[in-house]
């Protein structure tokens, strides 16, 4: 894995090496959710094993990769550039694959928040009234897929996708800042 950045392909290579049974978007979403709660999956092995299933001879050696990815996520959240982005497949991929990746990322992010013990049912008492709405939006986005009609109008779907992607990008940064 590249020592300076993480992206879909480098994460995919590591996942394949360690024979982890989830995709890069799911792993990144889960770790981002946990990090947003202030917990650290790299410290709590139970957090890792609650989500990550692996097989084969390399399956027990993925902790260093998790520590590295988590460190990069934390660095990105603390960056002054607000350059956090959910890791999904590249823009070269068909829009339906990217939509599925973002949906998986959001679902795993919500799971990470829950595992990190954010009480999703009591967000109304949060210091920011938008927090509950953001979480609900992410849950709804986790259910998204493209219809056949939308697949035929990929130009419009691509535009809508970019708006949703940017909303997630900024919203997750807001959640991190609110919870940490």
Protein backbone atom coordinates (compact mmCIF):
# COMPACT_ATOMS: atom_id res chain seq x y z
CA UNK A 1 0.00 0.00 0.00
CA UNK A 2 1.24 3.48 -0.84
CA UNK A 3 2.78 5.16 2.20
CA UNK A 4 1.44 8.63 1.45
CA UNK A 5 -2.19 8.14 0.49
CA UNK A 6 -4.95 5.62 0.28
CA UNK A 7 -7.24 5.16 -2.66
CA UNK A 8 -9.61 2.53 -3.96
CA UNK A 9 -6.99 0.55 -5.86
CA UNK A 10 -4.36 0.52 -3.08
CA UNK A 11 -7.00 -0.50 -0.56
CA UNK A 12 -8.29 -3.18 -2.93
CA UNK A 13 -4.75 -4.58 -3.30
CA UNK A 14 -4.35 -4.77 0.49
CA UNK A 15 -7.76 -6.35 0.95
CA UNK A 16 -6.86 -8.99 -1.63
CA UNK A 17 -3.46 -9.58 -0.03
CA UNK A 18 -5.00 -10.16 3.40
CA UNK A 19 -7.98 -12.02 1.94
CA UNK A 20 -10.52 -9.77 3.63
CA UNK A 21 -14.09 -10.46 2.55
CA UNK A 22 -15.30 -6.88 2.07
CA UNK A 23 -14.69 -4.29 -0.60
CA UNK A 24 -12.57 -1.12 -0.23
CA UNK A 25 -15.59 1.16 0.08
CA UNK A 26 -17.04 -0.93 2.91
CA UNK A 27 -13.75 -1.04 4.81
CA UNK A 28 -13.15 2.69 4.44
CA UNK A 29 -16.74 3.55 5.40
CA UNK A 30 -16.60 1.35 8.48
CA UNK A 31 -13.28 2.77 9.66
CA UNK A 32 -14.47 6.34 9.03
CA UNK A 33 -17.58 5.67 11.10
CA UNK A 34 -15.55 4.27 13.97
CA UNK A 35 -13.03 7.14 13.79
CA UNK A 36 -15.85 9.69 13.83
CA UNK A 37 -17.01 8.32 17.18
CA UNK A 38 -13.58 8.89 18.70
CA UNK A 39 -12.88 5.16 18.98
CA UNK A 40 -9.91 3.51 17.33
CA UNK A 41 -10.35 0.17 15.61
CA UNK A 42 -6.58 -0.26 15.69
CA UNK A 43 -6.69 -0.37 19.49
CA UNK A 44 -9.86 -2.40 19.93
CA UNK A 45 -9.56 -5.74 18.11
CA UNK A 46 -13.22 -6.50 18.86
CA UNK A 47 -14.21 -3.53 16.70
CA UNK A 48 -12.23 -4.93 13.82
CA UNK A 49 -13.50 -8.47 14.13
CA UNK A 50 -17.10 -7.27 14.39
CA UNK A 51 -16.93 -6.15 10.77
CA UNK A 52 -13.97 -7.69 9.02
CA UNK A 53 -14.04 -11.32 8.06
CA UNK A 54 -11.04 -12.84 6.36
CA UNK A 55 -9.87 -16.21 5.16
CA UNK A 56 -6.66 -17.93 4.21
CA UNK A 57 -3.09 -17.84 5.43
CA UNK A 58 -2.77 -14.03 5.46
CA UNK A 59 -6.03 -13.45 7.29
CA UNK A 60 -4.59 -12.66 10.72
CA UNK A 61 -1.94 -10.20 9.53
CA UNK A 62 -4.12 -7.31 8.45
CA UNK A 63 -3.83 -5.25 11.65
CA UNK A 64 -0.93 -3.15 10.30
CA UNK A 65 -3.00 -2.31 7.24
CA UNK A 66 -5.95 -1.28 9.45
CA UNK A 67 -3.66 0.89 11.58
CA UNK A 68 -2.25 2.56 8.47
CA UNK A 69 -5.67 3.22 6.91
CA UNK A 70 -7.05 4.51 10.19
CA UNK A 71 -4.06 6.84 10.60
CA UNK A 72 -4.61 8.22 7.09
CA UNK A 73 -8.31 8.74 7.79
CA UNK A 74 -7.52 10.67 10.98
CA UNK A 75 -4.92 12.79 9.16
CA UNK A 76 -7.46 13.58 6.45
CA UNK A 77 -10.13 14.57 8.96
CA UNK A 78 -7.66 16.89 10.72
CA UNK A 79 -6.44 18.44 7.47
CA UNK A 80 -7.06 22.16 7.04
CA UNK A 81 -7.90 21.51 3.39
CA UNK A 82 -11.12 19.59 4.12
CA UNK A 83 -9.92 16.98 1.64
CA UNK A 84 -11.75 14.02 3.14
CA UNK A 85 -13.45 11.83 0.53
CA UNK A 86 -15.22 8.50 0.78
CA UNK A 87 -13.19 5.88 -1.04
CA UNK A 88 -15.15 4.49 -3.95
CA UNK A 89 -14.24 3.19 -7.41
CA UNK A 90 -12.78 5.65 -9.90
CA UNK A 91 -14.70 7.95 -12.21
CA UNK A 92 -13.72 5.63 -15.07
CA UNK A 93 -16.11 3.01 -13.74
CA UNK A 94 -19.78 2.91 -14.78
CA UNK A 95 -22.05 5.10 -12.70
CA UNK A 96 -24.04 2.15 -11.31
CA UNK A 97 -20.87 0.66 -9.80
CA UNK A 98 -19.95 4.00 -8.26
CA UNK A 99 -23.46 4.40 -6.86
CA UNK A 100 -23.29 0.90 -5.35
CA UNK A 101 -19.88 1.71 -3.86
CA UNK A 102 -21.17 4.92 -2.28
CA UNK A 103 -24.23 3.11 -0.98
CA UNK A 104 -21.98 0.42 0.56
CA UNK A 105 -19.68 3.09 1.97
CA UNK A 106 -22.63 4.83 3.66
CA UNK A 107 -24.04 1.59 5.06
CA UNK A 108 -20.65 0.64 6.50
CA UNK A 109 -20.16 4.16 7.86
CA UNK A 110 -23.44 3.95 9.77
CA UNK A 111 -22.41 0.53 11.07
CA UNK A 112 -19.08 2.02 12.20
CA UNK A 113 -20.91 4.80 14.06
CA UNK A 114 -23.05 2.19 15.82
CA UNK A 115 -20.09 -0.04 16.69
CA UNK A 116 -18.29 3.06 17.94
CA UNK A 117 -21.28 3.55 20.24
CA UNK A 118 -22.87 6.68 18.86
CA UNK A 119 -26.47 6.41 19.99
CA UNK A 120 -28.23 7.00 16.69
CA UNK A 121 -31.61 7.04 18.43
CA UNK A 122 -30.80 9.96 20.72
CA UNK A 123 -29.29 12.46 18.32
CA UNK A 124 -32.04 15.03 18.93
CA UNK A 125 -30.14 16.15 22.03
CA UNK A 126 -27.03 16.79 19.93
CA UNK A 127 -25.38 20.19 20.04
CA UNK A 128 -26.14 20.66 16.35
CA UNK A 129 -29.69 20.21 15.07
CA UNK A 130 -28.36 19.16 11.66
CA UNK A 131 -26.62 16.05 13.02
CA UNK A 132 -29.78 13.95 13.17
CA UNK A 133 -30.76 15.05 9.66
CA UNK A 134 -27.28 14.24 8.29
CA UNK A 135 -27.37 10.76 9.81
CA UNK A 136 -30.84 10.12 8.38
CA UNK A 137 -29.67 11.29 4.97
CA UNK A 138 -26.67 8.95 5.06
CA UNK A 139 -28.95 6.06 6.02
CA UNK A 140 -31.20 6.88 3.05
CA UNK A 141 -28.22 7.14 0.69
CA UNK A 142 -27.08 3.72 1.90
CA UNK A 143 -30.26 2.31 0.29
CA UNK A 144 -29.74 3.92 -3.12
CA UNK A 145 -29.38 2.11 -6.43
CA UNK A 146 -29.99 3.19 -10.01
CA UNK A 147 -33.14 2.21 -11.87
CA UNK A 148 -33.03 0.99 -15.47
CA UNK A 149 -34.28 4.40 -16.63
CA UNK A 150 -31.53 6.17 -14.71
CA UNK A 151 -28.92 3.88 -16.24
CA UNK A 152 -29.99 5.09 -19.68
CA UNK A 153 -29.58 8.71 -18.62
CA UNK A 154 -26.15 8.38 -17.11
CA UNK A 155 -25.29 12.00 -17.77
CA UNK A 156 -28.03 13.16 -15.40
CA UNK A 157 -27.26 10.35 -12.95
CA UNK A 158 -23.59 11.36 -12.97
CA UNK A 159 -24.46 14.94 -12.09
CA UNK A 160 -26.81 13.86 -9.30
CA UNK A 161 -24.17 11.43 -8.08
CA UNK A 162 -21.55 14.20 -7.79
CA UNK A 163 -23.93 16.31 -5.72
CA UNK A 164 -24.65 13.39 -3.39
CA UNK A 165 -20.96 12.46 -3.18
CA UNK A 166 -20.04 16.03 -2.20
CA UNK A 167 -22.85 16.12 0.34
CA UNK A 168 -21.50 12.94 1.96
CA UNK A 169 -17.94 14.26 1.86
CA UNK A 170 -18.83 17.48 3.69
CA UNK A 171 -21.39 15.91 6.03
CA UNK A 172 -19.01 13.25 7.30
CA UNK A 173 -16.41 15.94 8.01
CA UNK A 174 -19.08 17.85 9.99
CA UNK A 175 -19.94 14.70 11.95
CA UNK A 176 -16.28 14.08 12.74
CA UNK A 177 -15.87 17.62 14.04
CA UNK A 178 -19.09 17.40 16.06
CA UNK A 179 -18.29 14.06 17.72
CA UNK A 180 -14.58 14.71 18.37
